[in-house]
PDB file of N, CA and C in Angstrom:
ATOM      1  N   MET A   1     -10.468 -24.496  -3.529  1.00  0.00           N
ATOM      2  CA  MET A   1      -8.681 -24.158  -2.506  1.00  0.00           C
ATOM      3  C   MET A   1      -8.925 -23.356  -1.540  1.00  0.00           C
ATOM      4  N   ALA A   2      -9.140 -23.608  -0.013  1.00  0.00           N
ATOM      5  CA  ALA A   2      -8.525 -22.808   1.110  1.00  0.00           C
ATOM      6  C   ALA A   2      -7.348 -22.617   1.392  1.00  0.00           C
ATOM      7  N   LEU A   3      -6.963 -21.825   1.573  1.00  0.00           N
ATOM      8  CA  LEU A   3      -5.463 -21.098   1.276  1.00  0.00           C
ATOM      9  C   LEU A   3      -4.916 -21.914   3.895  1.00  0.00           C
ATOM     10  N   THR A   4      -4.566 -22.160   4.443  1.00  0.00           N
ATOM     11  CA  THR A   4      -3.788 -23.258   5.066  1.00  0.00           C
ATOM     12  C   THR A   4      -3.650 -21.718   5.782  1.00  0.00           C
ATOM     13  N   ILE A   5      -3.253 -21.576   7.747  1.00  0.00           N
ATOM     14  CA  ILE A   5      -2.872 -19.749   7.924  1.00  0.00           C
ATOM     15  C   ILE A   5      -1.707 -20.828   8.780  1.00  0.00           C
ATOM     16  N   LYS A   6      -0.841 -20.232   8.434  1.00  0.00           N
ATOM     17  CA  LYS A   6       1.094 -20.923   9.270  1.00  0.00           C
ATOM     18  C   LYS A   6       1.053 -20.458  10.844  1.00  0.00           C
ATOM     19  N   ARG A   7       0.911 -21.470  11.509  1.00  0.00           N
ATOM     20  CA  ARG A   7       0.572 -21.173  13.210  1.00  0.00           C
ATOM     21  C   ARG A   7       2.131 -20.853  13.468  1.00  0.00           C
ATOM     22  N   GLY A   8       3.382 -21.296  12.883  1.00  0.00           N
ATOM     23  CA  GLY A   8       4.682 -21.570  13.744  1.00  0.00           C
ATOM     24  C   GLY A   8       4.593 -19.890  14.044  1.00  0.00           C
ATOM     25  N   LYS A   9       6.162 -19.416  14.260  1.00  0.00           N
ATOM     26  CA  LYS A   9       6.203 -18.623  15.130  1.00  0.00           C
ATOM     27  C   LYS A   9       7.110 -17.292  14.601  1.00  0.00           C
ATOM     28  N   SER A  10       7.264 -18.245  13.086  1.00  0.00           N
ATOM     29  CA  SER A  10       8.354 -16.776  12.105  1.00  0.00           C
ATOM     30  C   SER A  10       7.636 -16.018  11.816  1.00  0.00           C
ATOM     31  N   LYS A  11       8.419 -14.908  11.796  1.00  0.00           N
ATOM     32  CA  LYS A  11       8.404 -13.860  11.123  1.00  0.00           C
ATOM     33  C   LYS A  11       7.274 -13.681  10.067  1.00  0.00           C
ATOM     34  N   THR A  12       6.932 -15.123   9.119  1.00  0.00           N
ATOM     35  CA  THR A  12       6.277 -14.896   7.726  1.00  0.00           C
ATOM     36  C   THR A  12       4.932 -15.485   8.420  1.00  0.00           C
ATOM     37  N   ALA A  13       4.981 -16.131   8.975  1.00  0.00           N
ATOM     38  CA  ALA A  13       3.663 -16.741   9.785  1.00  0.00           C
ATOM     39  C   ALA A  13       3.102 -15.287  10.691  1.00  0.00           C
ATOM     40  N   ALA A  14       3.797 -15.010  11.218  1.00  0.00           N
ATOM     41  CA  ALA A  14       3.340 -13.084  11.402  1.00  0.00           C
ATOM     42  C   ALA A  14       2.389 -12.811  11.046  1.00  0.00           C
ATOM     43  N   ARG A  15       3.589 -12.693   9.467  1.00  0.00           N
ATOM     44  CA  ARG A  15       2.722 -11.589   8.932  1.00  0.00           C
ATOM     45  C   ARG A  15       1.315 -12.493   8.533  1.00  0.00           C
ATOM     46  N   THR A  16       1.243 -13.858   7.998  1.00  0.00           N
ATOM     47  CA  THR A  16       0.218 -13.877   6.858  1.00  0.00           C
ATOM     48  C   THR A  16      -0.822 -13.919   8.515  1.00  0.00           C
ATOM     49  N   ARG A  17      -0.231 -14.145   9.387  1.00  0.00           N
ATOM     50  CA  ARG A  17      -1.665 -14.172  10.330  1.00  0.00           C
ATOM     51  C   ARG A  17      -1.663 -12.334   9.864  1.00  0.00           C
ATOM     52  N   ARG A  18      -1.242 -11.514  10.389  1.00  0.00           N
ATOM     53  CA  ARG A  18      -1.660 -10.408  10.712  1.00  0.00           C
ATOM     54  C   ARG A  18      -2.318  -9.809   9.117  1.00  0.00           C
ATOM     55  N   HIS A  19      -2.157 -10.860   8.044  1.00  0.00           N
ATOM     56  CA  HIS A  19      -2.297 -10.079   7.267  1.00  0.00           C
ATOM     57  C   HIS A  19      -4.031 -10.838   6.825  1.00  0.00           C
ATOM     58  N   PHE A  20      -4.263 -11.989   7.625  1.00  0.00           N
ATOM     59  CA  PHE A  20      -5.730 -12.403   7.481  1.00  0.00           C
ATOM     60  C   PHE A  20      -6.882 -11.907   8.072  1.00  0.00           C
ATOM     61  N   ARG A  21      -6.110 -11.695   9.840  1.00  0.00           N
ATOM     62  CA  ARG A  21      -6.666 -10.213  10.125  1.00  0.00           C
ATOM     63  C   ARG A  21      -7.637  -9.055   9.460  1.00  0.00           C
ATOM     64  N   LEU A  22      -6.346  -8.431   9.451  1.00  0.00           N
ATOM     65  CA  LEU A  22      -6.546  -7.602   8.413  1.00  0.00           C
ATOM     66  C   LEU A  22      -7.878  -7.278   7.420  1.00  0.00           C
ATOM     67  N   ARG A  23      -7.934  -8.522   6.339  1.00  0.00           N
ATOM     68  CA  ARG A  23      -8.333  -8.830   5.066  1.00  0.00           C
ATOM     69  C   ARG A  23     -10.294  -8.584   5.821  1.00  0.00           C
ATOM     70  N   LYS A  24      -9.992  -9.010   6.894  1.00  0.00           N
ATOM     71  CA  LYS A  24     -11.464  -9.162   6.729  1.00  0.00           C
ATOM     72  C   LYS A  24     -12.153  -8.037   7.450  1.00  0.00           C
ATOM     73  N   LYS A  25     -11.768  -6.714   7.723  1.00  0.00           N
ATOM     74  CA  LYS A  25     -11.869  -6.269   8.444  1.00  0.00           C
ATOM     75  C   LYS A  25     -11.281  -5.003   7.122  1.00  0.00           C
ATOM     76  N   VAL A  26     -10.994  -4.899   6.598  1.00  0.00           N
ATOM     77  CA  VAL A  26     -10.580  -3.608   5.364  1.00  0.00           C
ATOM     78  C   VAL A  26     -11.359  -4.138   4.468  1.00  0.00           C
ATOM     79  N   THR A  27     -12.059  -3.580   3.790  1.00  0.00           N
ATOM     80  CA  THR A  27     -12.817  -3.267   2.535  1.00  0.00           C
ATOM     81  C   THR A  27     -12.965  -2.092   1.404  1.00  0.00           C
ATOM     82  N   GLY A  28     -12.404  -2.247   0.591  1.00  0.00           N
ATOM     83  CA  GLY A  28     -12.481  -1.031  -0.300  1.00  0.00           C
ATOM     84  C   GLY A  28     -13.365  -0.595  -1.444  1.00  0.00           C
ATOM     85  N   THR A  29     -14.643   0.522  -0.960  1.00  0.00           N
ATOM     86  CA  THR A  29     -15.688   1.212  -1.908  1.00  0.00           C
ATOM     87  C   THR A  29     -15.606   2.358  -2.805  1.00  0.00           C
ATOM     88  N   THR A  30     -16.477   2.337  -3.209  1.00  0.00           N
ATOM     89  CA  THR A  30     -16.423   2.939  -4.505  1.00  0.00           C
ATOM     90  C   THR A  30     -15.995   4.654  -3.735  1.00  0.00           C
ATOM     91  N   SER A  31     -16.600   5.434  -3.194  1.00  0.00           N
ATOM     92  CA  SER A  31     -16.471   6.088  -1.709  1.00  0.00           C
ATOM     93  C   SER A  31     -15.015   6.345  -1.139  1.00  0.00           C
ATOM     94  N   ARG A  32     -14.725   5.029  -0.811  1.00  0.00           N
ATOM     95  CA  ARG A  32     -13.301   4.949  -0.145  1.00  0.00           C
ATOM     96  C   ARG A  32     -12.669   3.727  -0.712  1.00  0.00           C
ATOM     97  N   PRO A  33     -11.738   3.898  -1.690  1.00  0.00           N
ATOM     98  CA  PRO A  33     -10.628   2.431  -1.653  1.00  0.00           C
ATOM     99  C   PRO A  33      -9.651   2.076  -1.246  1.00  0.00           C
ATOM    100  N   ARG A  34      -9.487   0.929  -0.527  1.00  0.00           N
ATOM    101  CA  ARG A  34      -8.417   0.400   0.124  1.00  0.00           C
ATOM    102  C   ARG A  34      -6.784   0.752  -0.861  1.00  0.00           C
ATOM    103  N   LEU A  35      -5.261   1.269  -0.185  1.00  0.00           N
ATOM    104  CA  LEU A  35      -4.755   1.709  -0.808  1.00  0.00           C
ATOM    105  C   LEU A  35      -3.754   0.396  -0.285  1.00  0.00           C
ATOM    106  N   VAL A  36      -3.429  -0.264  -1.022  1.00  0.00           N
ATOM    107  CA  VAL A  36      -2.648  -2.165  -1.062  1.00  0.00           C
ATOM    108  C   VAL A  36      -1.617  -1.480  -0.256  1.00  0.00           C
ATOM    109  N   VAL A  37      -0.131  -2.068  -0.380  1.00  0.00           N
ATOM    110  CA  VAL A  37       0.899  -1.817  -0.347  1.00  0.00           C
ATOM    111  C   VAL A  37       1.774  -3.052   0.547  1.00  0.00           C
ATOM    112  N   SER A  38       1.914  -3.254  -1.176  1.00  0.00           N
ATOM    113  CA  SER A  38       3.017  -4.896  -1.223  1.00  0.00           C
ATOM    114  C   SER A  38       4.474  -4.405  -0.720  1.00  0.00           C
ATOM    115  N   ARG A  39       5.680  -5.521  -0.543  1.00  0.00           N
ATOM    116  CA  ARG A  39       7.047  -5.189  -0.221  1.00  0.00           C
ATOM    117  C   ARG A  39       7.606  -6.136  -0.491  1.00  0.00           C
ATOM    118  N   SER A  40       8.882  -5.398  -0.742  1.00  0.00           N
ATOM    119  CA  SER A  40       9.518  -6.987  -1.022  1.00  0.00           C
ATOM    120  C   SER A  40      11.311  -5.900  -0.174  1.00  0.00           C
ATOM    121  N   SER A  41      12.505  -6.705  -0.840  1.00  0.00           N
ATOM    122  CA  SER A  41      13.332  -6.292   0.535  1.00  0.00           C
ATOM    123  C   SER A  41      14.170  -5.407  -0.265  1.00  0.00           C
ATOM    124  N   ARG A  42      13.215  -5.583  -1.660  1.00  0.00           N
ATOM    125  CA  ARG A  42      14.543  -4.196  -2.776  1.00  0.00           C
ATOM    126  C   ARG A  42      12.910  -3.040  -2.624  1.00  0.00           C
ATOM    127  N   HIS A  43      12.329  -3.743  -3.859  1.00  0.00           N
ATOM    128  CA  HIS A  43      11.021  -2.076  -3.758  1.00  0.00           C
ATOM    129  C   HIS A  43       9.811  -2.649  -3.141  1.00  0.00           C
ATOM    130  N   ILE A  44       8.990  -1.673  -3.284  1.00  0.00           N
ATOM    131  CA  ILE A  44       7.908  -1.323  -3.035  1.00  0.00           C
ATOM    132  C   ILE A  44       7.063  -0.718  -3.685  1.00  0.00           C
ATOM    133  N   VAL A  45       4.892  -1.229  -4.045  1.00  0.00           N
ATOM    134  CA  VAL A  45       4.344  -0.749  -5.173  1.00  0.00           C
ATOM    135  C   VAL A  45       3.036   0.009  -4.239  1.00  0.00           C
ATOM    136  N   ALA A  46       2.423  -0.195  -4.179  1.00  0.00           N
ATOM    137  CA  ALA A  46       1.230   1.293  -3.776  1.00  0.00           C
ATOM    138  C   ALA A  46       0.080   0.706  -4.531  1.00  0.00           C
ATOM    139  N   GLN A  47      -1.231   0.361  -3.863  1.00  0.00           N
ATOM    140  CA  GLN A  47      -2.090   1.204  -5.117  1.00  0.00           C
ATOM    141  C   GLN A  47      -3.702   1.062  -4.491  1.00  0.00           C
ATOM    142  N   VAL A  48      -4.164   1.821  -5.411  1.00  0.00           N
ATOM    143  CA  VAL A  48      -5.440   2.594  -5.187  1.00  0.00           C
ATOM    144  C   VAL A  48      -6.477   1.311  -5.971  1.00  0.00           C
ATOM    145  N   VAL A  49      -7.305   0.377  -4.490  1.00  0.00           N
ATOM    146  CA  VAL A  49      -8.127  -0.831  -5.534  1.00  0.00           C
ATOM    147  C   VAL A  49      -9.940  -0.092  -5.100  1.00  0.00           C
ATOM    148  N   ASP A  50     -10.304  -0.392  -5.617  1.00  0.00           N
ATOM    149  CA  ASP A  50     -12.029  -0.416  -5.281  1.00  0.00           C
ATOM    150  C   ASP A  50     -12.636  -1.994  -5.357  1.00  0.00           C
ATOM    151  N   ASP A  51     -12.805  -2.214  -4.026  1.00  0.00           N
ATOM    152  CA  ASP A  51     -13.131  -3.784  -4.052  1.00  0.00           C
ATOM    153  C   ASP A  51     -14.535  -3.827  -4.211  1.00  0.00           C
ATOM    154  N   THR A  52     -15.294  -2.900  -4.560  1.00  0.00           N
ATOM    155  CA  THR A  52     -17.018  -3.638  -4.619  1.00  0.00           C
ATOM    156  C   THR A  52     -16.279  -3.966  -6.805  1.00  0.00           C
ATOM    157  N   VAL A  53     -15.983  -3.204  -7.583  1.00  0.00           N
ATOM    158  CA  VAL A  53     -15.721  -3.476  -9.438  1.00  0.00           C
ATOM    159  C   VAL A  53     -14.319  -4.690  -9.421  1.00  0.00           C
ATOM    160  N   GLY A  54     -13.233  -4.289  -7.836  1.00  0.00           N
ATOM    161  CA  GLY A  54     -12.058  -5.462  -8.594  1.00  0.00           C
ATOM    162  C   GLY A  54     -11.524  -4.672  -9.763  1.00  0.00           C
ATOM    163  N   LYS A  55     -11.618  -3.387  -8.909  1.00  0.00           N
ATOM    164  CA  LYS A  55     -10.533  -2.237 -10.169  1.00  0.00           C
ATOM    165  C   LYS A  55      -9.229  -1.505  -9.107  1.00  0.00           C
ATOM    166  N   THR A  56      -8.542  -2.000  -9.987  1.00  0.00           N
ATOM    167  CA  THR A  56      -6.877  -0.865  -9.424  1.00  0.00           C
ATOM    168  C   THR A  56      -7.375   0.837 -10.650  1.00  0.00           C
ATOM    169  N   LEU A  57      -7.839   1.568  -9.326  1.00  0.00           N
ATOM    170  CA  LEU A  57      -8.008   3.009 -10.104  1.00  0.00           C
ATOM    171  C   LEU A  57      -6.259   3.790 -10.273  1.00  0.00           C
ATOM    172  N   ALA A  58      -5.147   3.482  -9.255  1.00  0.00           N
ATOM    173  CA  ALA A  58      -4.241   3.915  -9.349  1.00  0.00           C
ATOM    174  C   ALA A  58      -3.250   2.906  -9.159  1.00  0.00           C
ATOM    175  N   SER A  59      -1.726   3.241  -9.474  1.00  0.00           N
ATOM    176  CA  SER A  59      -0.989   2.388  -8.736  1.00  0.00           C
ATOM    177  C   SER A  59       0.688   3.932  -9.381  1.00  0.00           C
ATOM    178  N   ALA A  60       1.181   2.838  -8.269  1.00  0.00           N
ATOM    179  CA  ALA A  60       3.236   3.472  -8.269  1.00  0.00           C
ATOM    180  C   ALA A  60       3.280   2.528  -7.439  1.00  0.00           C
ATOM    181  N   SER A  61       4.804   2.136  -8.292  1.00  0.00           N
ATOM    182  CA  SER A  61       6.410   1.419  -7.693  1.00  0.00           C
ATOM    183  C   SER A  61       7.375   2.342  -7.458  1.00  0.00           C
ATOM    184  N   SER A  62       7.875   1.483  -7.103  1.00  0.00           N
ATOM    185  CA  SER A  62       9.545   1.833  -6.930  1.00  0.00           C
ATOM    186  C   SER A  62      10.505   1.463  -8.180  1.00  0.00           C
ATOM    187  N   MET A  63       9.549   0.691  -9.525  1.00  0.00           N
ATOM    188  CA  MET A  63      10.349  -0.028  -9.854  1.00  0.00           C
ATOM    189  C   MET A  63       9.914   0.956 -11.367  1.00  0.00           C
ATOM    190  N   GLU A  64       9.956   2.372 -11.494  1.00  0.00           N
ATOM    191  CA  GLU A  64       9.364   2.324 -12.378  1.00  0.00           C
ATOM    192  C   GLU A  64      10.335   3.462 -12.931  1.00  0.00           C
ATOM    193  N   ALA A  65      10.401   4.143 -14.156  1.00  0.00           N
ATOM    194  CA  ALA A  65      11.576   4.635 -13.861  1.00  0.00           C
ATOM    195  C   ALA A  65      12.393   5.890 -14.373  1.00  0.00           C
ATOM    196  N   ASP A  66      11.450   6.811 -13.227  1.00  0.00           N
ATOM    197  CA  ASP A  66      11.611   7.957 -12.728  1.00  0.00           C
ATOM    198  C   ASP A  66      12.297   7.663 -11.516  1.00  0.00           C
ATOM    199  N   LEU A  67      11.819   6.339 -10.913  1.00  0.00           N
ATOM    200  CA  LEU A  67      12.205   6.919  -9.126  1.00  0.00           C
ATOM    201  C   LEU A  67      13.425   6.310  -9.345  1.00  0.00           C
ATOM    202  N   ARG A  68      14.066   5.068 -10.032  1.00  0.00           N
ATOM    203  CA  ARG A  68      14.594   4.399 -10.507  1.00  0.00           C
ATOM    204  C   ARG A  68      15.977   4.991 -10.212  1.00  0.00           C
ATOM    205  N   SER A  69      16.145   6.118 -10.461  1.00  0.00           N
ATOM    206  CA  SER A  69      16.699   7.286 -10.808  1.00  0.00           C
ATOM    207  C   SER A  69      17.401   8.003  -8.989  1.00  0.00           C
ATOM    208  N   PHE A  70      16.081   7.545  -8.958  1.00  0.00           N
ATOM    209  CA  PHE A  70      15.793   7.937  -7.442  1.00  0.00           C
ATOM    210  C   PHE A  70      17.473   8.482  -5.965  1.00  0.00           C
ATOM    211  N   GLU A  71      17.518   8.927  -6.073  1.00  0.00           N
ATOM    212  CA  GLU A  71      19.171   8.965  -5.060  1.00  0.00           C
ATOM    213  C   GLU A  71      18.392   8.961  -3.615  1.00  0.00           C
ATOM    214  N   GLY A  72      19.128   8.213  -2.706  1.00  0.00           N
ATOM    215  CA  GLY A  72      18.177   8.752  -1.118  1.00  0.00           C
ATOM    216  C   GLY A  72      18.330   6.680  -1.281  1.00  0.00           C
ATOM    217  N   ASP A  73      17.661   6.496   0.259  1.00  0.00           N
ATOM    218  CA  ASP A  73      17.000   5.168   0.505  1.00  0.00           C
ATOM    219  C   ASP A  73      15.733   4.933   0.875  1.00  0.00           C
ATOM    220  N   LYS A  74      15.600   3.198   0.874  1.00  0.00           N
ATOM    221  CA  LYS A  74      14.269   2.897   0.540  1.00  0.00           C
ATOM    222  C   LYS A  74      13.158   3.476   1.406  1.00  0.00           C
ATOM    223  N   THR A  75      13.422   4.179   2.664  1.00  0.00           N
ATOM    224  CA  THR A  75      12.036   5.256   3.110  1.00  0.00           C
ATOM    225  C   THR A  75      12.317   5.694   2.865  1.00  0.00           C
ATOM    226  N   ALA A  76      13.048   6.939   1.837  1.00  0.00           N
ATOM    227  CA  ALA A  76      12.955   8.131   0.946  1.00  0.00           C
ATOM    228  C   ALA A  76      12.253   7.854   0.095  1.00  0.00           C
ATOM    229  N   LYS A  77      12.223   6.910  -0.786  1.00  0.00           N
ATOM    230  CA  LYS A  77      12.239   6.599  -2.161  1.00  0.00           C
ATOM    231  C   LYS A  77      10.717   5.318  -1.740  1.00  0.00           C
ATOM    232  N   ALA A  78       9.839   5.344  -1.371  1.00  0.00           N
ATOM    233  CA  ALA A  78       8.903   4.640  -0.365  1.00  0.00           C
ATOM    234  C   ALA A  78       7.726   5.638  -0.339  1.00  0.00           C
ATOM    235  N   ARG A  79       8.420   7.216   0.950  1.00  0.00           N
ATOM    236  CA  ARG A  79       7.762   8.574   0.309  1.00  0.00           C
ATOM    237  C   ARG A  79       7.259   8.790  -0.988  1.00  0.00           C
ATOM    238  N   LYS A  80       8.405   8.613  -1.409  1.00  0.00           N
ATOM    239  CA  LYS A  80       8.165   9.900  -2.703  1.00  0.00           C
ATOM    240  C   LYS A  80       7.383   8.360  -3.421  1.00  0.00           C
ATOM    241  N   VAL A  81       7.196   7.094  -3.705  1.00  0.00           N
ATOM    242  CA  VAL A  81       5.798   6.514  -4.259  1.00  0.00           C
ATOM    243  C   VAL A  81       4.433   7.203  -3.138  1.00  0.00           C
ATOM    244  N   GLY A  82       4.266   6.622  -2.563  1.00  0.00           N
ATOM    245  CA  GLY A  82       3.149   7.120  -1.776  1.00  0.00           C
ATOM    246  C   GLY A  82       2.755   8.642  -2.560  1.00  0.00           C
ATOM    247  N   GLU A  83       3.456   9.581  -2.497  1.00  0.00           N
ATOM    248  CA  GLU A  83       3.477  10.987  -2.856  1.00  0.00           C
ATOM    249  C   GLU A  83       2.699  10.826  -4.603  1.00  0.00           C
ATOM    250  N   LEU A  84       3.615  10.643  -5.312  1.00  0.00           N
ATOM    251  CA  LEU A  84       3.064   9.857  -6.763  1.00  0.00           C
ATOM    252  C   LEU A  84       1.717   9.709  -7.125  1.00  0.00           C
ATOM    253  N   LEU A  85       1.489   8.159  -6.075  1.00  0.00           N
ATOM    254  CA  LEU A  85       0.587   7.629  -6.186  1.00  0.00           C
ATOM    255  C   LEU A  85      -0.725   8.563  -5.699  1.00  0.00           C
ATOM    256  N   ALA A  86      -0.456   9.511  -4.481  1.00  0.00           N
ATOM    257  CA  ALA A  86      -1.633  10.482  -4.267  1.00  0.00           C
ATOM    258  C   ALA A  86      -2.175  10.880  -5.377  1.00  0.00           C
ATOM    259  N   ALA A  87      -0.575  11.424  -6.448  1.00  0.00           N
ATOM    260  CA  ALA A  87      -1.505  12.180  -7.324  1.00  0.00           C
ATOM    261  C   ALA A  87      -1.789  11.981  -7.925  1.00  0.00           C
ATOM    262  N   ARG A  88      -2.042  10.513  -8.459  1.00  0.00           N
ATOM    263  CA  ARG A  88      -2.768   9.568  -9.866  1.00  0.00           C
ATOM    264  C   ARG A  88      -3.655  10.022  -8.717  1.00  0.00           C
ATOM    265  N   ALA A  89      -3.572   9.091  -7.523  1.00  0.00           N
ATOM    266  CA  ALA A  89      -5.448   8.983  -6.917  1.00  0.00           C
ATOM    267  C   ALA A  89      -6.300  10.369  -7.440  1.00  0.00           C
ATOM    268  N   LYS A  90      -5.270  11.113  -6.775  1.00  0.00           N
ATOM    269  CA  LYS A  90      -6.459  12.826  -7.537  1.00  0.00           C
ATOM    270  C   LYS A  90      -6.597  12.460  -8.771  1.00  0.00           C
ATOM    271  N   GLU A  91      -5.926  12.615  -9.966  1.00  0.00           N
ATOM    272  CA  GLU A  91      -6.271  12.558 -11.526  1.00  0.00           C
ATOM    273  C   GLU A  91      -8.265  11.348 -11.063  1.00  0.00           C
ATOM    274  N   ALA A  92      -7.452  10.867 -10.817  1.00  0.00           N
ATOM    275  CA  ALA A  92      -8.756   9.869 -10.464  1.00  0.00           C
ATOM    276  C   ALA A  92     -10.067  10.053 -10.089  1.00  0.00           C
ATOM    277  N   GLY A  93      -9.711  10.662  -9.876  1.00  0.00           N
ATOM    278  CA  GLY A  93     -10.839  12.020  -8.316  1.00  0.00           C
ATOM    279  C   GLY A  93     -11.193  10.886  -7.261  1.00  0.00           C
ATOM    280  N   VAL A  94      -9.857  10.355  -6.429  1.00  0.00           N
ATOM    281  CA  VAL A  94     -10.293  10.043  -5.033  1.00  0.00           C
ATOM    282  C   VAL A  94      -9.805  11.283  -4.308  1.00  0.00           C
ATOM    283  N   GLU A  95     -10.489  11.106  -3.126  1.00  0.00           N
ATOM    284  CA  GLU A  95      -9.968  12.168  -2.109  1.00  0.00           C
ATOM    285  C   GLU A  95      -9.493  11.208  -0.878  1.00  0.00           C
ATOM    286  N   ALA A  96      -9.976  10.120  -0.822  1.00  0.00           N
ATOM    287  CA  ALA A  96      -9.961   9.397   1.150  1.00  0.00           C
ATOM    288  C   ALA A  96      -9.885   7.898   0.279  1.00  0.00           C
ATOM    289  N   VAL A  97      -9.601   7.059   1.208  1.00  0.00           N
ATOM    290  CA  VAL A  97      -8.440   5.540   1.019  1.00  0.00           C
ATOM    291  C   VAL A  97      -8.469   4.910   2.598  1.00  0.00           C
ATOM    292  N   VAL A  98      -8.110   4.062   2.533  1.00  0.00           N
ATOM    293  CA  VAL A  98      -8.592   2.735   3.171  1.00  0.00           C
ATOM    294  C   VAL A  98      -7.198   2.399   3.070  1.00  0.00           C
ATOM    295  N   PHE A  99      -6.401   2.649   4.076  1.00  0.00           N
ATOM    296  CA  PHE A  99      -4.880   2.081   4.361  1.00  0.00           C
ATOM    297  C   PHE A  99      -4.828   0.560   4.614  1.00  0.00           C
ATOM    298  N   ASP A 100      -4.900  -0.373   3.869  1.00  0.00           N
ATOM    299  CA  ASP A 100      -4.095  -1.849   4.170  1.00  0.00           C
ATOM    300  C   ASP A 100      -3.066  -1.745   3.891  1.00  0.00           C
ATOM    301  N   ARG A 101      -2.260  -1.951   4.901  1.00  0.00           N
ATOM    302  CA  ARG A 101      -1.052  -2.009   4.578  1.00  0.00           C
ATOM    303  C   ARG A 101      -0.127  -4.470   4.469  1.00  0.00           C
ATOM    304  N   GLY A 102      -0.908  -4.832   4.162  1.00  0.00           N
ATOM    305  CA  GLY A 102      -1.024  -5.868   4.065  1.00  0.00           C
ATOM    306  C   GLY A 102      -0.078  -6.833   4.770  1.00  0.00           C
ATOM    307  N   GLY A 103      -0.610  -6.209   6.790  1.00  0.00           N
ATOM    308  CA  GLY A 103       0.244  -7.353   7.100  1.00  0.00           C
ATOM    309  C   GLY A 103       1.296  -7.271   7.950  1.00  0.00           C
ATOM    310  N   ASN A 104       1.420  -5.791   7.073  1.00  0.00           N
ATOM    311  CA  ASN A 104       3.535  -5.550   7.405  1.00  0.00           C
ATOM    312  C   ASN A 104       2.810  -4.763   8.387  1.00  0.00           C
ATOM    313  N   LYS A 105       3.702  -4.843   9.176  1.00  0.00           N
ATOM    314  CA  LYS A 105       3.983  -3.245  10.779  1.00  0.00           C
ATOM    315  C   LYS A 105       4.279  -2.078  10.101  1.00  0.00           C
ATOM    316  N   TYR A 106       3.283  -1.441  10.965  1.00  0.00           N
ATOM    317  CA  TYR A 106       3.074   0.490  10.294  1.00  0.00           C
ATOM    318  C   TYR A 106       4.626   1.204  11.343  1.00  0.00           C
ATOM    319  N   HIS A 107       5.740   0.835  10.537  1.00  0.00           N
ATOM    320  CA  HIS A 107       6.838   1.578  10.813  1.00  0.00           C
ATOM    321  C   HIS A 107       8.215   1.530   9.603  1.00  0.00           C
ATOM    322  N   GLY A 108       8.577   2.643   9.135  1.00  0.00           N
ATOM    323  CA  GLY A 108       9.914   2.095   7.811  1.00  0.00           C
ATOM    324  C   GLY A 108       8.937   3.017   6.851  1.00  0.00           C
ATOM    325  N   ARG A 109       8.698   1.748   6.266  1.00  0.00           N
ATOM    326  CA  ARG A 109       8.472   1.814   4.510  1.00  0.00           C
ATOM    327  C   ARG A 109       7.045   1.786   4.288  1.00  0.00           C
ATOM    328  N   ILE A 110       6.676   1.140   5.293  1.00  0.00           N
ATOM    329  CA  ILE A 110       4.941   1.510   5.092  1.00  0.00           C
ATOM    330  C   ILE A 110       4.930   2.566   5.767  1.00  0.00           C
ATOM    331  N   ALA A 111       5.165   3.729   7.116  1.00  0.00           N
ATOM    332  CA  ALA A 111       4.523   4.177   7.081  1.00  0.00           C
ATOM    333  C   ALA A 111       4.845   6.105   6.664  1.00  0.00           C
ATOM    334  N   ALA A 112       6.828   5.297   5.606  1.00  0.00           N
ATOM    335  CA  ALA A 112       6.678   6.465   4.710  1.00  0.00           C
ATOM    336  C   ALA A 112       5.507   6.357   4.396  1.00  0.00           C
ATOM    337  N   ILE A 113       5.163   5.285   2.808  1.00  0.00           N
ATOM    338  CA  ILE A 113       3.473   5.618   2.251  1.00  0.00           C
ATOM    339  C   ILE A 113       2.514   6.067   2.169  1.00  0.00           C
ATOM    340  N   ALA A 114       2.396   6.013   4.171  1.00  0.00           N
ATOM    341  CA  ALA A 114       0.938   7.107   4.155  1.00  0.00           C
ATOM    342  C   ALA A 114       1.462   7.979   3.982  1.00  0.00           C
ATOM    343  N   ASP A 115       2.595   8.622   5.144  1.00  0.00           N
ATOM    344  CA  ASP A 115       3.164   9.899   5.417  1.00  0.00           C
ATOM    345  C   ASP A 115       3.234  10.566   3.983  1.00  0.00           C
ATOM    346  N   GLY A 116       4.065   9.795   2.577  1.00  0.00           N
ATOM    347  CA  GLY A 116       3.549  10.469   1.389  1.00  0.00           C
ATOM    348  C   GLY A 116       2.221  10.253   0.780  1.00  0.00           C
ATOM    349  N   ALA A 117       1.290  10.320   0.983  1.00  0.00           N
ATOM    350  CA  ALA A 117      -0.025  10.126   0.500  1.00  0.00           C
ATOM    351  C   ALA A 117      -0.631  11.489   1.117  1.00  0.00           C
ATOM    352  N   ARG A 118      -0.097  11.219   2.513  1.00  0.00           N
ATOM    353  CA  ARG A 118      -1.468  12.448   3.249  1.00  0.00           C
ATOM    354  C   ARG A 118      -0.448  13.450   2.780  1.00  0.00           C
ATOM    355  N   GLU A 119       0.624  13.964   2.476  1.00  0.00           N
ATOM    356  CA  GLU A 119       1.118  14.995   2.375  1.00  0.00           C
ATOM    357  C   GLU A 119       0.726  15.242   0.928  1.00  0.00           C
ATOM    358  N   GLY A 120       0.942  14.257  -0.421  1.00  0.00           N
ATOM    359  CA  GLY A 120       0.032  14.491  -1.034  1.00  0.00           C
ATOM    360  C   GLY A 120      -1.808  14.723  -1.820  1.00  0.00           C
ATOM    361  N   GLY A 121      -2.008  14.862  -0.317  1.00  0.00           N
ATOM    362  CA  GLY A 121      -3.705  14.922  -0.072  1.00  0.00           C
ATOM    363  C   GLY A 121      -4.415  14.182  -0.222  1.00  0.00           C
ATOM    364  N   LEU A 122      -3.632  13.325   0.225  1.00  0.00           N
ATOM    365  CA  LEU A 122      -4.613  11.894  -0.117  1.00  0.00           C
ATOM    366  C   LEU A 122      -6.088  12.156   1.796  1.00  0.00           C
ATOM    367  N   SER A 123      -6.312  11.002   2.290  1.00  0.00           N
ATOM    368  CA  SER A 123      -6.918  11.768   3.444  1.00  0.00           C
ATOM    369  C   SER A 123      -7.458   9.709   4.005  1.00  0.00           C
ATOM    370  N   LEU A 124      -5.994   9.792   4.908  1.00  0.00           N
ATOM    371  CA  LEU A 124      -6.253   7.911   4.876  1.00  0.00           C
ATOM    372  C   LEU A 124      -6.943   7.901   6.807  1.00  0.00           C
TER     373      LEU A 124
END
């Protein structure tokens, strides 16, 4: 089953095109796994994935119990998700990652996750 890339001018079509371009270039290895960011209008999920094995090494989400009660806006919550992911990745033995923004523009919550991961000690 082949995926077709939307050629329209909509924001979702542009995001899909960016995502395909990005995934052609970014792959995670055992020494440097991929930090994947998935964003919805309400929540954000981040995972550290080793693409050679196809295994998730660490993950964090704004839907977790300790982050649900976090007071602050969505950008502050995304920064906390990045810090939490960095701590879990360090426990799994990961020091450096390749950042996969998932076709989203690098600003707002996506940049906040990256900043939080850097503050937590991950090298991006």
